[in-house]
Amino acid sequence: MSRDIANNKKARRDFHISGTYEAGIALVGTEVKSIRDNKVNISDAFARVDNGQVFLYGCDIQPWQTAAEYFQHAPKRPRRLLLHKSEILKIAQLANEKGYSLPCLRMYFVGRRVKVEFGLAKGKTHGDQRQDLKKRVELREAQREMSRFNKG
């Protein structure tokens, strides 16, 4: 059973997501405590493959209030994502194609562990975004008509 910590709605609006991947994340103790307090922002977070490892950049985990300065973590430091070697190679091959990126979609708990879901994505154009909005409006109006019809 999973419990969501943070969702990145902006990523689904701005990108065509062609595939998703789940990864563990290497954290220090104060980061986990801040995450349990929901002091995390993943709206600008993205993954990148560097030297055979995958890192999460732009994830903002606020410092833990009561921790001593010695134990404190940097809020926007790159965090290592934990994946199998075969997954890393496949992701690296797909992400190197022109126009593809790896935005962070959500962060959640699975048991006691923190997991990150990121997607293989290609950016939407302004016209694509307008088309999606038009589809949502049409769907909402159709559902409204159906409910009005079913009421009698």
C-alpha atoms as a PDB file:
ATOM      1  CA  MET A   1       0.000   0.000   0.000  1.00  0.00           C
ATOM      2  CA  SER A   2       1.379   3.412  -0.898  1.00  0.00           C
ATOM      3  CA  ARG A   3       0.788   6.839   0.591  1.00  0.00           C
ATOM      4  CA  ASP A   4       1.432   9.881  -1.597  1.00  0.00           C
ATOM      5  CA  ILE A   5       3.803  12.556  -0.350  1.00  0.00           C
ATOM      6  CA  ALA A   6       3.878  14.907  -3.341  1.00  0.00           C
ATOM      7  CA  ASN A   7       2.462  14.985  -6.889  1.00  0.00           C
ATOM      8  CA  ASN A   8       3.741  16.948  -9.871  1.00  0.00           C
ATOM      9  CA  LYS A   9       0.594  17.963 -11.764  1.00  0.00           C
ATOM     10  CA  LYS A  10       2.615  20.374 -13.886  1.00  0.00           C
ATOM     11  CA  ALA A  11       4.585  17.502 -15.442  1.00  0.00           C
ATOM     12  CA  ARG A  12       1.467  15.789 -16.790  1.00  0.00           C
ATOM     13  CA  ARG A  13       0.254  19.114 -18.189  1.00  0.00           C
ATOM     14  CA  ASP A  14       3.528  20.026 -19.915  1.00  0.00           C
ATOM     15  CA  PHE A  15       4.705  16.613 -21.179  1.00  0.00           C
ATOM     16  CA  HIS A  16       3.510  13.563 -23.106  1.00  0.00           C
ATOM     17  CA  ILE A  17       4.417  10.724 -20.708  1.00  0.00           C
ATOM     18  CA  SER A  18       5.329   7.591 -22.688  1.00  0.00           C
ATOM     19  CA  GLY A  19       6.485   5.402 -19.786  1.00  0.00           C
ATOM     20  CA  THR A  20       6.912   5.523 -16.022  1.00  0.00           C
ATOM     21  CA  TYR A  21       9.585   4.099 -13.742  1.00  0.00           C
ATOM     22  CA  GLU A  22       9.677   3.556  -9.973  1.00  0.00           C
ATOM     23  CA  ALA A  23      12.911   4.036  -8.063  1.00  0.00           C
ATOM     24  CA  GLY A  24      14.075   4.121  -4.491  1.00  0.00           C
ATOM     25  CA  ILE A  25      15.900   7.230  -3.333  1.00  0.00           C
ATOM     26  CA  ALA A  26      19.020   7.521  -1.163  1.00  0.00           C
ATOM     27  CA  LEU A  27      18.272   9.949   1.680  1.00  0.00           C
ATOM     28  CA  VAL A  28      19.795  11.041   4.982  1.00  0.00           C
ATOM     29  CA  GLY A  29      17.853  10.986   8.266  1.00  0.00           C
ATOM     30  CA  THR A  30      16.842  14.649   8.379  1.00  0.00           C
ATOM     31  CA  GLU A  31      15.484  14.411   4.825  1.00  0.00           C
ATOM     32  CA  VAL A  32      13.223  11.510   5.759  1.00  0.00           C
ATOM     33  CA  LYS A  33      11.880  13.442   8.754  1.00  0.00           C
ATOM     34  CA  SER A  34      11.146  16.471   6.565  1.00  0.00           C
ATOM     35  CA  ILE A  35       9.422  14.243   4.004  1.00  0.00           C
ATOM     36  CA  ARG A  36       7.234  12.743   6.747  1.00  0.00           C
ATOM     37  CA  ASP A  37       6.195  16.340   7.567  1.00  0.00           C
ATOM     38  CA  ASN A  38       5.359  16.939   3.831  1.00  0.00           C
ATOM     39  CA  LYS A  39       8.027  19.619   3.494  1.00  0.00           C
ATOM     40  CA  VAL A  40       8.925  18.586  -0.054  1.00  0.00           C
ATOM     41  CA  ASN A  41       8.432  20.190  -3.474  1.00  0.00           C
ATOM     42  CA  ILE A  42       8.945  18.185  -6.678  1.00  0.00           C
ATOM     43  CA  SER A  43       7.448  20.618  -9.199  1.00  0.00           C
ATOM     44  CA  ASP A  44      10.854  21.305 -10.804  1.00  0.00           C
ATOM     45  CA  ALA A  45      12.408  17.884 -10.157  1.00  0.00           C
ATOM     46  CA  PHE A  46      13.860  15.770 -12.955  1.00  0.00           C
ATOM     47  CA  ALA A  47      16.140  12.742 -13.274  1.00  0.00           C
ATOM     48  CA  ARG A  48      19.355  12.505 -15.254  1.00  0.00           C
ATOM     49  CA  VAL A  49      21.730   9.629 -15.972  1.00  0.00           C
ATOM     50  CA  ASP A  50      25.340  10.498 -15.021  1.00  0.00           C
ATOM     51  CA  ASN A  51      28.213   7.993 -15.168  1.00  0.00           C
ATOM     52  CA  GLY A  52      25.990   4.928 -15.013  1.00  0.00           C
ATOM     53  CA  GLN A  53      23.890   6.242 -12.104  1.00  0.00           C
ATOM     54  CA  VAL A  54      20.577   8.097 -12.034  1.00  0.00           C
ATOM     55  CA  PHE A  55      20.297  11.284  -9.971  1.00  0.00           C
ATOM     56  CA  LEU A  56      17.265  13.389  -9.039  1.00  0.00           C
ATOM     57  CA  TYR A  57      17.850  17.130  -9.471  1.00  0.00           C
ATOM     58  CA  GLY A  58      15.659  20.054  -8.391  1.00  0.00           C
ATOM     59  CA  CYS A  59      13.830  18.177  -5.621  1.00  0.00           C
ATOM     60  CA  ASP A  60      13.439  20.648  -2.751  1.00  0.00           C
ATOM     61  CA  ILE A  61      13.329  18.970   0.684  1.00  0.00           C
ATOM     62  CA  GLN A  62      13.239  21.654   3.369  1.00  0.00           C
ATOM     63  CA  PRO A  63      15.678  21.383   6.316  1.00  0.00           C
ATOM     64  CA  TRP A  64      14.444  19.661   9.469  1.00  0.00           C
ATOM     65  CA  GLN A  65      13.697  22.353  12.070  1.00  0.00           C
ATOM     66  CA  THR A  66      15.053  20.713  15.228  1.00  0.00           C
ATOM     67  CA  ALA A  67      18.206  19.128  13.784  1.00  0.00           C
ATOM     68  CA  ALA A  68      21.610  20.473  14.733  1.00  0.00           C
ATOM     69  CA  GLU A  69      23.446  22.367  12.009  1.00  0.00           C
ATOM     70  CA  TYR A  70      26.038  19.605  11.761  1.00  0.00           C
ATOM     71  CA  PHE A  71      23.403  17.017  10.744  1.00  0.00           C
ATOM     72  CA  GLN A  72      21.459  19.323   8.400  1.00  0.00           C
ATOM     73  CA  HIS A  73      21.128  18.525   4.697  1.00  0.00           C
ATOM     74  CA  ALA A  74      21.259  20.842   1.671  1.00  0.00           C
ATOM     75  CA  PRO A  75      17.669  21.428   0.436  1.00  0.00           C
ATOM     76  CA  LYS A  76      18.279  21.018  -3.329  1.00  0.00           C
ATOM     77  CA  ARG A  77      21.214  18.612  -3.440  1.00  0.00           C
ATOM     78  CA  PRO A  78      21.233  15.901  -6.163  1.00  0.00           C
ATOM     79  CA  ARG A  79      19.881  12.642  -4.749  1.00  0.00           C
ATOM     80  CA  ARG A  80      20.800   9.210  -6.080  1.00  0.00           C
ATOM     81  CA  LEU A  81      17.970   7.051  -7.383  1.00  0.00           C
ATOM     82  CA  LEU A  82      18.224   3.325  -6.718  1.00  0.00           C
ATOM     83  CA  LEU A  83      17.614   1.239  -9.845  1.00  0.00           C
ATOM     84  CA  HIS A  84      18.904  -2.010 -11.319  1.00  0.00           C
ATOM     85  CA  LYS A  85      21.753  -1.714 -13.826  1.00  0.00           C
ATOM     86  CA  SER A  86      19.594  -3.028 -16.690  1.00  0.00           C
ATOM     87  CA  GLU A  87      16.934  -0.382 -15.951  1.00  0.00           C
ATOM     88  CA  ILE A  88      19.572   2.352 -15.871  1.00  0.00           C
ATOM     89  CA  LEU A  89      20.954   1.284 -19.262  1.00  0.00           C
ATOM     90  CA  LYS A  90      17.473   1.179 -20.810  1.00  0.00           C
ATOM     91  CA  ILE A  91      16.562   4.597 -19.360  1.00  0.00           C
ATOM     92  CA  ALA A  92      19.856   6.104 -20.531  1.00  0.00           C
ATOM     93  CA  GLN A  93      19.299   4.826 -24.057  1.00  0.00           C
ATOM     94  CA  LEU A  94      15.725   6.185 -24.225  1.00  0.00           C
ATOM     95  CA  ALA A  95      16.507   9.523 -22.573  1.00  0.00           C
ATOM     96  CA  ASN A  96      19.380  10.271 -24.975  1.00  0.00           C
ATOM     97  CA  GLU A  97      16.958  10.605 -27.889  1.00  0.00           C
ATOM     98  CA  LYS A  98      16.330  14.202 -28.915  1.00  0.00           C
ATOM     99  CA  GLY A  99      13.486  15.922 -27.069  1.00  0.00           C
ATOM    100  CA  TYR A 100      13.091  13.391 -24.232  1.00  0.00           C
ATOM    101  CA  SER A 101      13.470  14.158 -20.542  1.00  0.00           C
ATOM    102  CA  LEU A 102      12.779  12.420 -17.221  1.00  0.00           C
ATOM    103  CA  PRO A 103      10.478  14.600 -15.063  1.00  0.00           C
ATOM    104  CA  CYS A 104       9.565  13.504 -11.544  1.00  0.00           C
ATOM    105  CA  LEU A 105       5.833  12.650 -11.396  1.00  0.00           C
ATOM    106  CA  ARG A 106       5.265  11.777  -7.732  1.00  0.00           C
ATOM    107  CA  MET A 107       6.923  10.828  -4.469  1.00  0.00           C
ATOM    108  CA  TYR A 108       5.305   8.331  -2.118  1.00  0.00           C
ATOM    109  CA  PHE A 109       5.835   5.853   0.720  1.00  0.00           C
ATOM    110  CA  VAL A 110       5.727   2.100   0.173  1.00  0.00           C
ATOM    111  CA  GLY A 111       5.811   0.754   3.701  1.00  0.00           C
ATOM    112  CA  ARG A 112       8.658   2.681   5.343  1.00  0.00           C
ATOM    113  CA  ARG A 113      10.546   3.371   2.125  1.00  0.00           C
ATOM    114  CA  VAL A 114      10.364   6.529   0.042  1.00  0.00           C
ATOM    115  CA  LYS A 115       9.868   5.911  -3.678  1.00  0.00           C
ATOM    116  CA  VAL A 116       9.971   8.256  -6.653  1.00  0.00           C
ATOM    117  CA  GLU A 117       8.009   7.809  -9.873  1.00  0.00           C
ATOM    118  CA  PHE A 118       9.474   9.522 -12.909  1.00  0.00           C
ATOM    119  CA  GLY A 119       8.469   9.310 -16.519  1.00  0.00           C
ATOM    120  CA  LEU A 120      10.040   9.242 -19.942  1.00  0.00           C
ATOM    121  CA  ALA A 121       8.486  12.342 -21.461  1.00  0.00           C
ATOM    122  CA  LYS A 122       8.474  14.557 -24.506  1.00  0.00           C
ATOM    123  CA  GLY A 123       7.440  18.199 -24.189  1.00  0.00           C
ATOM    124  CA  LYS A 124       4.027  19.356 -25.381  1.00  0.00           C
ATOM    125  CA  THR A 125       3.612  22.330 -27.662  1.00  0.00           C
ATOM    126  CA  HIS A 126       1.203  25.132 -26.849  1.00  0.00           C
ATOM    127  CA  GLY A 127      -1.259  23.715 -29.383  1.00  0.00           C
ATOM    128  CA  ASP A 128      -1.152  20.293 -27.699  1.00  0.00           C
ATOM    129  CA  GLN A 129      -1.952  21.878 -24.347  1.00  0.00           C
ATOM    130  CA  ARG A 130      -4.906  23.738 -25.844  1.00  0.00           C
ATOM    131  CA  GLN A 131      -6.166  20.527 -27.455  1.00  0.00           C
ATOM    132  CA  ASP A 132      -6.029  18.699 -24.102  1.00  0.00           C
ATOM    133  CA  LEU A 133      -7.954  21.505 -22.415  1.00  0.00           C
ATOM    134  CA  LYS A 134     -10.588  21.390 -25.172  1.00  0.00           C
ATOM    135  CA  LYS A 135     -10.990  17.604 -24.726  1.00  0.00           C
ATOM    136  CA  ARG A 136     -11.422  17.983 -20.960  1.00  0.00           C
ATOM    137  CA  VAL A 137     -14.090  20.682 -21.402  1.00  0.00           C
ATOM    138  CA  GLU A 138     -15.989  18.546 -23.937  1.00  0.00           C
ATOM    139  CA  LEU A 139     -15.831  15.499 -21.646  1.00  0.00           C
ATOM    140  CA  ARG A 140     -17.074  17.520 -18.667  1.00  0.00           C
ATOM    141  CA  GLU A 141     -20.002  18.921 -20.692  1.00  0.00           C
ATOM    142  CA  ALA A 142     -20.908  15.433 -21.957  1.00  0.00           C
ATOM    143  CA  GLN A 143     -20.925  14.082 -18.394  1.00  0.00           C
ATOM    144  CA  ARG A 144     -23.073  17.019 -17.280  1.00  0.00           C
ATOM    145  CA  GLU A 145     -25.596  16.277 -20.060  1.00  0.00           C
ATOM    146  CA  MET A 146     -25.637  12.568 -19.180  1.00  0.00           C
ATOM    147  CA  SER A 147     -26.316  13.294 -15.510  1.00  0.00           C
ATOM    148  CA  ARG A 148     -29.057  15.777 -16.449  1.00  0.00           C
ATOM    149  CA  PHE A 149     -30.601  13.171 -18.806  1.00  0.00           C
ATOM    150  CA  ASN A 150     -30.437  10.405 -16.175  1.00  0.00           C
ATOM    151  CA  LYS A 151     -32.113  12.535 -13.475  1.00  0.00           C
ATOM    152  CA  GLY A 152     -35.315  12.546 -15.474  1.00  0.00           C
END
